[in-house]
Amino acid sequence: MEMILRGRSSLRLFSSSPSPFSSSSPFSFLFFCSLFLDMCVYAVYRFFFIFSILVSGLYLSLFSLFLFGYPVCYERPNEREEIPNNI
């Protein structure tokens, strides 16, 4: 029984101590500023990563256009099969 009472009193002491993330603490402001800056840096990094993938795809398609004279995803008009008109 004494252990339970000691545990409760230590919990009461722990809960009465100021939290580093309380609104009155200056550390909470620094913590949320660093979190916000971290999210901004990650968003900029993700944007440039996706942008670089799109730009590299654009360069590859332009390179194939100049190399082969037509985009690779299309077939040349003279290589299409002629469908006979059976009326």
PDB file of N, CA and C in Angstrom:
ATOM      1  N   MET A   1       0.823  -1.205   0.000  1.00  0.00           N
ATOM      2  CA  MET A   1       0.000   0.000   0.000  1.00  0.00           C
ATOM      3  C   MET A   1       0.863   1.263   0.000  1.00  0.00           C
ATOM      4  N   GLU A   2       1.981   1.186   0.738  1.00  0.00           N
ATOM      5  CA  GLU A   2       2.874   2.344   0.771  1.00  0.00           C
ATOM      6  C   GLU A   2       3.449   2.647  -0.604  1.00  0.00           C
ATOM      7  N   MET A   3       3.726   1.582  -1.389  1.00  0.00           N
ATOM      8  CA  MET A   3       4.286   1.782  -2.726  1.00  0.00           C
ATOM      9  C   MET A   3       3.303   2.529  -3.609  1.00  0.00           C
ATOM     10  N   ILE A   4       2.014   2.193  -3.483  1.00  0.00           N
ATOM     11  CA  ILE A   4       0.996   2.867  -4.293  1.00  0.00           C
ATOM     12  C   ILE A   4       0.906   4.332  -3.897  1.00  0.00           C
ATOM     13  N   LEU A   5       0.930   4.611  -2.596  1.00  0.00           N
ATOM     14  CA  LEU A   5       0.857   6.002  -2.156  1.00  0.00           C
ATOM     15  C   LEU A   5       2.099   6.776  -2.582  1.00  0.00           C
ATOM     16  N   ARG A   6       3.273   6.136  -2.509  1.00  0.00           N
ATOM     17  CA  ARG A   6       4.487   6.811  -2.955  1.00  0.00           C
ATOM     18  C   ARG A   6       4.444   7.085  -4.455  1.00  0.00           C
ATOM     19  N   GLY A   7       3.916   6.134  -5.207  1.00  0.00           N
ATOM     20  CA  GLY A   7       3.784   6.331  -6.642  1.00  0.00           C
ATOM     21  C   GLY A   7       2.865   7.488  -6.962  1.00  0.00           C
ATOM     22  N   ARG A   8       1.773   7.566  -6.211  1.00  0.00           N
ATOM     23  CA  ARG A   8       0.830   8.674  -6.461  1.00  0.00           C
ATOM     24  C   ARG A   8       1.454  10.010  -6.095  1.00  0.00           C
ATOM     25  N   SER A   9       2.188  10.064  -5.000  1.00  0.00           N
ATOM     26  CA  SER A   9       2.793  11.351  -4.627  1.00  0.00           C
ATOM     27  C   SER A   9       3.885  11.744  -5.616  1.00  0.00           C
ATOM     28  N   SER A  10       4.630  10.761  -6.131  1.00  0.00           N
ATOM     29  CA  SER A  10       5.650  11.111  -7.121  1.00  0.00           C
ATOM     30  C   SER A  10       4.995  11.547  -8.425  1.00  0.00           C
ATOM     31  N   LEU A  11       3.837  10.946  -8.754  1.00  0.00           N
ATOM     32  CA  LEU A  11       3.109  11.393  -9.938  1.00  0.00           C
ATOM     33  C   LEU A  11       2.618  12.815  -9.759  1.00  0.00           C
ATOM     34  N   ARG A  12       2.162  13.123  -8.553  1.00  0.00           N
ATOM     35  CA  ARG A  12       1.677  14.463  -8.288  1.00  0.00           C
ATOM     36  C   ARG A  12       2.829  15.472  -8.392  1.00  0.00           C
ATOM     37  N   LEU A  13       4.014  15.090  -7.911  1.00  0.00           N
ATOM     38  CA  LEU A  13       5.169  15.972  -8.026  1.00  0.00           C
ATOM     39  C   LEU A  13       5.578  16.147  -9.483  1.00  0.00           C
ATOM     40  N   PHE A  14       5.507  15.046 -10.225  1.00  0.00           N
ATOM     41  CA  PHE A  14       5.899  15.129 -11.629  1.00  0.00           C
ATOM     42  C   PHE A  14       4.914  15.977 -12.426  1.00  0.00           C
ATOM     43  N   SER A  15       3.631  15.844 -12.144  1.00  0.00           N
ATOM     44  CA  SER A  15       2.641  16.619 -12.895  1.00  0.00           C
ATOM     45  C   SER A  15       2.654  18.087 -12.501  1.00  0.00           C
ATOM     46  N   SER A  16       3.133  18.404 -11.302  1.00  0.00           N
ATOM     47  CA  SER A  16       3.173  19.810 -10.912  1.00  0.00           C
ATOM     48  C   SER A  16       4.409  20.506 -11.469  1.00  0.00           C
ATOM     49  N   SER A  17       5.413  19.749 -11.936  1.00  0.00           N
ATOM     50  CA  SER A  17       6.585  20.397 -12.514  1.00  0.00           C
ATOM     51  C   SER A  17       6.223  20.988 -13.864  1.00  0.00           C
ATOM     52  N   PRO A  18       6.810  22.108 -14.215  1.00  0.00           N
ATOM     53  CA  PRO A  18       6.435  22.752 -15.484  1.00  0.00           C
ATOM     54  C   PRO A  18       6.881  21.918 -16.692  1.00  0.00           C
ATOM     55  N   SER A  19       6.011  21.812 -17.625  1.00  0.00           N
ATOM     56  CA  SER A  19       6.311  21.053 -18.846  1.00  0.00           C
ATOM     57  C   SER A  19       7.115  21.934 -19.805  1.00  0.00           C
ATOM     58  N   PRO A  20       8.083  21.354 -20.516  1.00  0.00           N
ATOM     59  CA  PRO A  20       8.837  22.192 -21.471  1.00  0.00           C
ATOM     60  C   PRO A  20       8.002  22.618 -22.670  1.00  0.00           C
ATOM     61  N   PHE A  21       6.850  21.982 -22.881  1.00  0.00           N
ATOM     62  CA  PHE A  21       6.007  22.328 -24.022  1.00  0.00           C
ATOM     63  C   PHE A  21       4.760  23.103 -23.613  1.00  0.00           C
ATOM     64  N   SER A  22       4.745  23.654 -22.404  1.00  0.00           N
ATOM     65  CA  SER A  22       3.595  24.444 -22.003  1.00  0.00           C
ATOM     66  C   SER A  22       3.625  25.786 -22.739  1.00  0.00           C
ATOM     67  N   SER A  23       2.489  26.450 -22.745  1.00  0.00           N
ATOM     68  CA  SER A  23       2.387  27.688 -23.523  1.00  0.00           C
ATOM     69  C   SER A  23       3.206  28.828 -22.923  1.00  0.00           C
ATOM     70  N   SER A  24       3.510  28.759 -21.617  1.00  0.00           N
ATOM     71  CA  SER A  24       4.264  29.844 -21.001  1.00  0.00           C
ATOM     72  C   SER A  24       5.766  29.663 -21.165  1.00  0.00           C
ATOM     73  N   SER A  25       6.195  28.500 -21.619  1.00  0.00           N
ATOM     74  CA  SER A  25       7.623  28.236 -21.741  1.00  0.00           C
ATOM     75  C   SER A  25       8.159  28.792 -23.049  1.00  0.00           C
ATOM     76  N   PRO A  26       9.343  29.413 -23.018  1.00  0.00           N
ATOM     77  CA  PRO A  26       9.934  29.892 -24.277  1.00  0.00           C
ATOM     78  C   PRO A  26      10.411  28.746 -25.164  1.00  0.00           C
ATOM     79  N   PHE A  27      10.617  27.548 -24.565  1.00  0.00           N
ATOM     80  CA  PHE A  27      11.054  26.409 -25.346  1.00  0.00           C
ATOM     81  C   PHE A  27       9.977  25.930 -26.298  1.00  0.00           C
ATOM     82  N   SER A  28       8.716  26.126 -25.942  1.00  0.00           N
ATOM     83  CA  SER A  28       7.645  25.687 -26.830  1.00  0.00           C
ATOM     84  C   SER A  28       7.649  26.508 -28.113  1.00  0.00           C
ATOM     85  N   PHE A  29       7.912  27.788 -28.005  1.00  0.00           N
ATOM     86  CA  PHE A  29       7.983  28.643 -29.187  1.00  0.00           C
ATOM     87  C   PHE A  29       9.130  28.206 -30.087  1.00  0.00           C
ATOM     88  N   LEU A  30      10.291  27.933 -29.484  1.00  0.00           N
ATOM     89  CA  LEU A  30      11.438  27.469 -30.266  1.00  0.00           C
ATOM     90  C   LEU A  30      11.172  26.108 -30.887  1.00  0.00           C
ATOM     91  N   PHE A  31      10.495  25.252 -30.129  1.00  0.00           N
ATOM     92  CA  PHE A  31      10.186  23.917 -30.643  1.00  0.00           C
ATOM     93  C   PHE A  31       9.271  24.014 -31.859  1.00  0.00           C
ATOM     94  N   PHE A  32       8.212  24.803 -31.765  1.00  0.00           N
ATOM     95  CA  PHE A  32       7.273  24.905 -32.882  1.00  0.00           C
ATOM     96  C   PHE A  32       7.883  25.664 -34.062  1.00  0.00           C
ATOM     97  N   CYS A  33       8.771  26.629 -33.786  1.00  0.00           N
ATOM     98  CA  CYS A  33       9.468  27.304 -34.890  1.00  0.00           C
ATOM     99  C   CYS A  33      10.379  26.337 -35.629  1.00  0.00           C
ATOM    100  N   SER A  34      11.100  25.507 -34.877  1.00  0.00           N
ATOM    101  CA  SER A  34      11.995  24.550 -35.528  1.00  0.00           C
ATOM    102  C   SER A  34      11.189  23.499 -36.282  1.00  0.00           C
ATOM    103  N   LEU A  35      10.048  23.102 -35.733  1.00  0.00           N
ATOM    104  CA  LEU A  35       9.194  22.146 -36.425  1.00  0.00           C
ATOM    105  C   LEU A  35       8.643  22.744 -37.716  1.00  0.00           C
ATOM    106  N   PHE A  36       8.214  24.002 -37.653  1.00  0.00           N
ATOM    107  CA  PHE A  36       7.692  24.674 -38.848  1.00  0.00           C
ATOM    108  C   PHE A  36       8.782  24.836 -39.909  1.00  0.00           C
ATOM    109  N   LEU A  37       9.979  25.228 -39.496  1.00  0.00           N
ATOM    110  CA  LEU A  37      11.082  25.376 -40.448  1.00  0.00           C
ATOM    111  C   LEU A  37      11.463  24.039 -41.058  1.00  0.00           C
ATOM    112  N   ASP A  38      11.423  22.987 -40.264  1.00  0.00           N
ATOM    113  CA  ASP A  38      11.717  21.647 -40.767  1.00  0.00           C
ATOM    114  C   ASP A  38      10.698  21.227 -41.811  1.00  0.00           C
ATOM    115  N   MET A  39       9.421  21.513 -41.557  1.00  0.00           N
ATOM    116  CA  MET A  39       8.372  21.181 -42.532  1.00  0.00           C
ATOM    117  C   MET A  39       8.547  22.003 -43.804  1.00  0.00           C
ATOM    118  N   CYS A  40       8.926  23.269 -43.681  1.00  0.00           N
ATOM    119  CA  CYS A  40       9.138  24.101 -44.876  1.00  0.00           C
ATOM    120  C   CYS A  40      10.302  23.590 -45.705  1.00  0.00           C
ATOM    121  N   VAL A  41      11.401  23.224 -45.035  1.00  0.00           N
ATOM    122  CA  VAL A  41      12.564  22.710 -45.756  1.00  0.00           C
ATOM    123  C   VAL A  41      12.208  21.411 -46.458  1.00  0.00           C
ATOM    124  N   TYR A  42      11.433  20.545 -45.789  1.00  0.00           N
ATOM    125  CA  TYR A  42      11.037  19.285 -46.415  1.00  0.00           C
ATOM    126  C   TYR A  42      10.113  19.538 -47.608  1.00  0.00           C
ATOM    127  N   ALA A  43       9.211  20.499 -47.501  1.00  0.00           N
ATOM    128  CA  ALA A  43       8.311  20.805 -48.616  1.00  0.00           C
ATOM    129  C   ALA A  43       9.076  21.348 -49.812  1.00  0.00           C
ATOM    130  N   VAL A  44      10.060  22.221 -49.559  1.00  0.00           N
ATOM    131  CA  VAL A  44      10.879  22.751 -50.657  1.00  0.00           C
ATOM    132  C   VAL A  44      11.693  21.634 -51.291  1.00  0.00           C
ATOM    133  N   TYR A  45      12.256  20.752 -50.454  1.00  0.00           N
ATOM    134  CA  TYR A  45      13.022  19.628 -50.975  1.00  0.00           C
ATOM    135  C   TYR A  45      12.145  18.725 -51.830  1.00  0.00           C
ATOM    136  N   ARG A  46      10.934  18.423 -51.360  1.00  0.00           N
ATOM    137  CA  ARG A  46      10.036  17.549 -52.114  1.00  0.00           C
ATOM    138  C   ARG A  46       9.610  18.213 -53.423  1.00  0.00           C
ATOM    139  N   PHE A  47       9.365  19.515 -53.406  1.00  0.00           N
ATOM    140  CA  PHE A  47       8.986  20.220 -54.627  1.00  0.00           C
ATOM    141  C   PHE A  47      10.097  20.139 -55.664  1.00  0.00           C
ATOM    142  N   PHE A  48      11.347  20.423 -55.238  1.00  0.00           N
ATOM    143  CA  PHE A  48      12.446  20.392 -56.200  1.00  0.00           C
ATOM    144  C   PHE A  48      12.755  18.988 -56.673  1.00  0.00           C
ATOM    145  N   PHE A  49      12.523  17.990 -55.832  1.00  0.00           N
ATOM    146  CA  PHE A  49      12.732  16.606 -56.250  1.00  0.00           C
ATOM    147  C   PHE A  49      11.732  16.226 -57.343  1.00  0.00           C
ATOM    148  N   ILE A  50      10.451  16.543 -57.143  1.00  0.00           N
ATOM    149  CA  ILE A  50       9.427  16.239 -58.155  1.00  0.00           C
ATOM    150  C   ILE A  50       9.662  17.081 -59.400  1.00  0.00           C
ATOM    151  N   PHE A  51      10.040  18.342 -59.222  1.00  0.00           N
ATOM    152  CA  PHE A  51      10.313  19.219 -60.354  1.00  0.00           C
ATOM    153  C   PHE A  51      11.483  18.701 -61.182  1.00  0.00           C
ATOM    154  N   SER A  52      12.520  18.186 -60.530  1.00  0.00           N
ATOM    155  CA  SER A  52      13.664  17.656 -61.269  1.00  0.00           C
ATOM    156  C   SER A  52      13.285  16.401 -62.043  1.00  0.00           C
ATOM    157  N   ILE A  53      12.398  15.572 -61.499  1.00  0.00           N
ATOM    158  CA  ILE A  53      11.938  14.394 -62.240  1.00  0.00           C
ATOM    159  C   ILE A  53      11.164  14.829 -63.483  1.00  0.00           C
ATOM    160  N   LEU A  54      10.292  15.828 -63.344  1.00  0.00           N
ATOM    161  CA  LEU A  54       9.522  16.299 -64.493  1.00  0.00           C
ATOM    162  C   LEU A  54      10.420  16.931 -65.551  1.00  0.00           C
ATOM    163  N   VAL A  55      11.399  17.722 -65.119  1.00  0.00           N
ATOM    164  CA  VAL A  55      12.296  18.367 -66.074  1.00  0.00           C
ATOM    165  C   VAL A  55      13.168  17.341 -66.788  1.00  0.00           C
ATOM    166  N   SER A  56      13.615  16.318 -66.062  1.00  0.00           N
ATOM    167  CA  SER A  56      14.426  15.290 -66.719  1.00  0.00           C
ATOM    168  C   SER A  56      13.586  14.512 -67.722  1.00  0.00           C
ATOM    169  N   GLY A  57      12.311  14.262 -67.429  1.00  0.00           N
ATOM    170  CA  GLY A  57      11.435  13.627 -68.406  1.00  0.00           C
ATOM    171  C   GLY A  57      11.215  14.496 -69.622  1.00  0.00           C
ATOM    172  N   LEU A  58      11.117  15.805 -69.420  1.00  0.00           N
ATOM    173  CA  LEU A  58      10.968  16.725 -70.553  1.00  0.00           C
ATOM    174  C   LEU A  58      12.217  16.721 -71.419  1.00  0.00           C
ATOM    175  N   TYR A  59      13.390  16.741 -70.773  1.00  0.00           N
ATOM    176  CA  TYR A  59      14.633  16.703 -71.550  1.00  0.00           C
ATOM    177  C   TYR A  59      14.774  15.397 -72.317  1.00  0.00           C
ATOM    178  N   LEU A  60      14.377  14.286 -71.709  1.00  0.00           N
ATOM    179  CA  LEU A  60      14.467  13.003 -72.407  1.00  0.00           C
ATOM    180  C   LEU A  60      13.531  12.965 -73.609  1.00  0.00           C
ATOM    181  N   SER A  61      12.335  13.516 -73.466  1.00  0.00           N
ATOM    182  CA  SER A  61      11.406  13.518 -74.598  1.00  0.00           C
ATOM    183  C   SER A  61      11.898  14.441 -75.709  1.00  0.00           C
ATOM    184  N   LEU A  62      12.475  15.590 -75.349  1.00  0.00           N
ATOM    185  CA  LEU A  62      13.035  16.481 -76.373  1.00  0.00           C
ATOM    186  C   LEU A  62      14.247  15.848 -77.055  1.00  0.00           C
ATOM    187  N   PHE A  63      15.060  15.128 -76.282  1.00  0.00           N
ATOM    188  CA  PHE A  63      16.214  14.450 -76.860  1.00  0.00           C
ATOM    189  C   PHE A  63      15.763  13.375 -77.845  1.00  0.00           C
ATOM    190  N   SER A  64      14.712  12.634 -77.478  1.00  0.00           N
ATOM    191  CA  SER A  64      14.217  11.611 -78.410  1.00  0.00           C
ATOM    192  C   SER A  64      13.598  12.264 -79.639  1.00  0.00           C
ATOM    193  N   LEU A  65      13.007  13.433 -79.486  1.00  0.00           N
ATOM    194  CA  LEU A  65      12.432  14.136 -80.639  1.00  0.00           C
ATOM    195  C   LEU A  65      13.526  14.543 -81.622  1.00  0.00           C
ATOM    196  N   PHE A  66      14.632  15.070 -81.098  1.00  0.00           N
ATOM    197  CA  PHE A  66      15.714  15.487 -81.993  1.00  0.00           C
ATOM    198  C   PHE A  66      16.534  14.307 -82.504  1.00  0.00           C
ATOM    199  N   LEU A  67      16.600  13.243 -81.715  1.00  0.00           N
ATOM    200  CA  LEU A  67      17.404  12.100 -82.128  1.00  0.00           C
ATOM    201  C   LEU A  67      16.703  11.273 -83.193  1.00  0.00           C
ATOM    202  N   PHE A  68      15.415  10.999 -82.984  1.00  0.00           N
ATOM    203  CA  PHE A  68      14.679  10.137 -83.901  1.00  0.00           C
ATOM    204  C   PHE A  68      13.800  10.915 -84.872  1.00  0.00           C
ATOM    205  N   GLY A  69      13.602  12.187 -84.625  1.00  0.00           N
ATOM    206  CA  GLY A  69      12.777  12.982 -85.511  1.00  0.00           C
ATOM    207  C   GLY A  69      11.293  12.906 -85.192  1.00  0.00           C
ATOM    208  N   TYR A  70      10.926  12.148 -84.203  1.00  0.00           N
ATOM    209  CA  TYR A  70       9.528  12.046 -83.781  1.00  0.00           C
ATOM    210  C   TYR A  70       9.525  11.563 -82.332  1.00  0.00           C
ATOM    211  N   PRO A  71       8.493  11.821 -81.595  1.00  0.00           N
ATOM    212  CA  PRO A  71       8.427  11.314 -80.218  1.00  0.00           C
ATOM    213  C   PRO A  71       8.342   9.785 -80.199  1.00  0.00           C
ATOM    214  N   VAL A  72       8.959   9.195 -79.229  1.00  0.00           N
ATOM    215  CA  VAL A  72       9.026   7.738 -79.165  1.00  0.00           C
ATOM    216  C   VAL A  72       7.647   7.142 -78.894  1.00  0.00           C
ATOM    217  N   CYS A  73       6.787   7.873 -78.217  1.00  0.00           N
ATOM    218  CA  CYS A  73       5.501   7.294 -77.854  1.00  0.00           C
ATOM    219  C   CYS A  73       4.547   7.209 -79.046  1.00  0.00           C
ATOM    220  N   TYR A  74       4.845   7.916 -80.129  1.00  0.00           N
ATOM    221  CA  TYR A  74       4.001   7.839 -81.318  1.00  0.00           C
ATOM    222  C   TYR A  74       4.688   6.975 -82.374  1.00  0.00           C
ATOM    223  N   GLU A  75       3.906   6.374 -83.235  1.00  0.00           N
ATOM    224  CA  GLU A  75       4.502   5.629 -84.341  1.00  0.00           C
ATOM    225  C   GLU A  75       4.478   6.501 -85.589  1.00  0.00           C
ATOM    226  N   ARG A  76       5.378   6.218 -86.482  1.00  0.00           N
ATOM    227  CA  ARG A  76       5.462   7.024 -87.698  1.00  0.00           C
ATOM    228  C   ARG A  76       4.237   6.761 -88.585  1.00  0.00           C
ATOM    229  N   PRO A  77       3.777   7.773 -89.281  1.00  0.00           N
ATOM    230  CA  PRO A  77       2.582   7.576 -90.102  1.00  0.00           C
ATOM    231  C   PRO A  77       2.794   6.560 -91.225  1.00  0.00           C
ATOM    232  N   ASN A  78       3.985   6.458 -91.779  1.00  0.00           N
ATOM    233  CA  ASN A  78       4.190   5.539 -92.891  1.00  0.00           C
ATOM    234  C   ASN A  78       4.389   4.098 -92.417  1.00  0.00           C
ATOM    235  N   GLU A  79       4.496   3.882 -91.099  1.00  0.00           N
ATOM    236  CA  GLU A  79       4.657   2.523 -90.600  1.00  0.00           C
ATOM    237  C   GLU A  79       3.339   1.921 -90.128  1.00  0.00           C
ATOM    238  N   ARG A  80       2.251   2.661 -90.234  1.00  0.00           N
ATOM    239  CA  ARG A  80       0.949   2.121 -89.818  1.00  0.00           C
ATOM    240  C   ARG A  80       0.452   1.137 -90.864  1.00  0.00           C
ATOM    241  N   GLU A  81      -0.275   0.149 -90.391  1.00  0.00           N
ATOM    242  CA  GLU A  81      -0.844  -0.831 -91.321  1.00  0.00           C
ATOM    243  C   GLU A  81      -2.029  -0.213 -92.045  1.00  0.00           C
ATOM    244  N   GLU A  82      -2.104  -0.464 -93.316  1.00  0.00           N
ATOM    245  CA  GLU A  82      -3.232   0.025 -94.106  1.00  0.00           C
ATOM    246  C   GLU A  82      -4.389  -0.957 -93.956  1.00  0.00           C
ATOM    247  N   ILE A  83      -5.532  -0.430 -93.585  1.00  0.00           N
ATOM    248  CA  ILE A  83      -6.728  -1.260 -93.442  1.00  0.00           C
ATOM    249  C   ILE A  83      -7.511  -1.155 -94.751  1.00  0.00           C
ATOM    250  N   PRO A  84      -7.709  -2.274 -95.439  1.00  0.00           N
ATOM    251  CA  PRO A  84      -8.456  -2.203 -96.710  1.00  0.00           C
ATOM    252  C   PRO A  84      -9.930  -1.905 -96.477  1.00  0.00           C
ATOM    253  N   ASN A  85     -10.505  -1.140 -97.365  1.00  0.00           N
ATOM    254  CA  ASN A  85     -11.929  -0.800 -97.275  1.00  0.00           C
ATOM    255  C   ASN A  85     -12.736  -1.845 -98.039  1.00  0.00           C
ATOM    256  N   ASN A  86     -13.259  -2.806 -97.323  1.00  0.00           N
ATOM    257  CA  ASN A  86     -14.111  -3.832 -97.948  1.00  0.00           C
ATOM    258  C   ASN A  86     -15.565  -3.423 -97.787  1.00  0.00           C
ATOM    259  N   ILE A  87     -16.132  -2.900 -98.840  1.00  0.00           N
ATOM    260  CA  ILE A  87     -17.523  -2.443 -98.764  1.00  0.00           C
ATOM    261  C   ILE A  87     -18.426  -3.464 -99.426  1.00  0.00           C
TER     262      ILE A  87
END
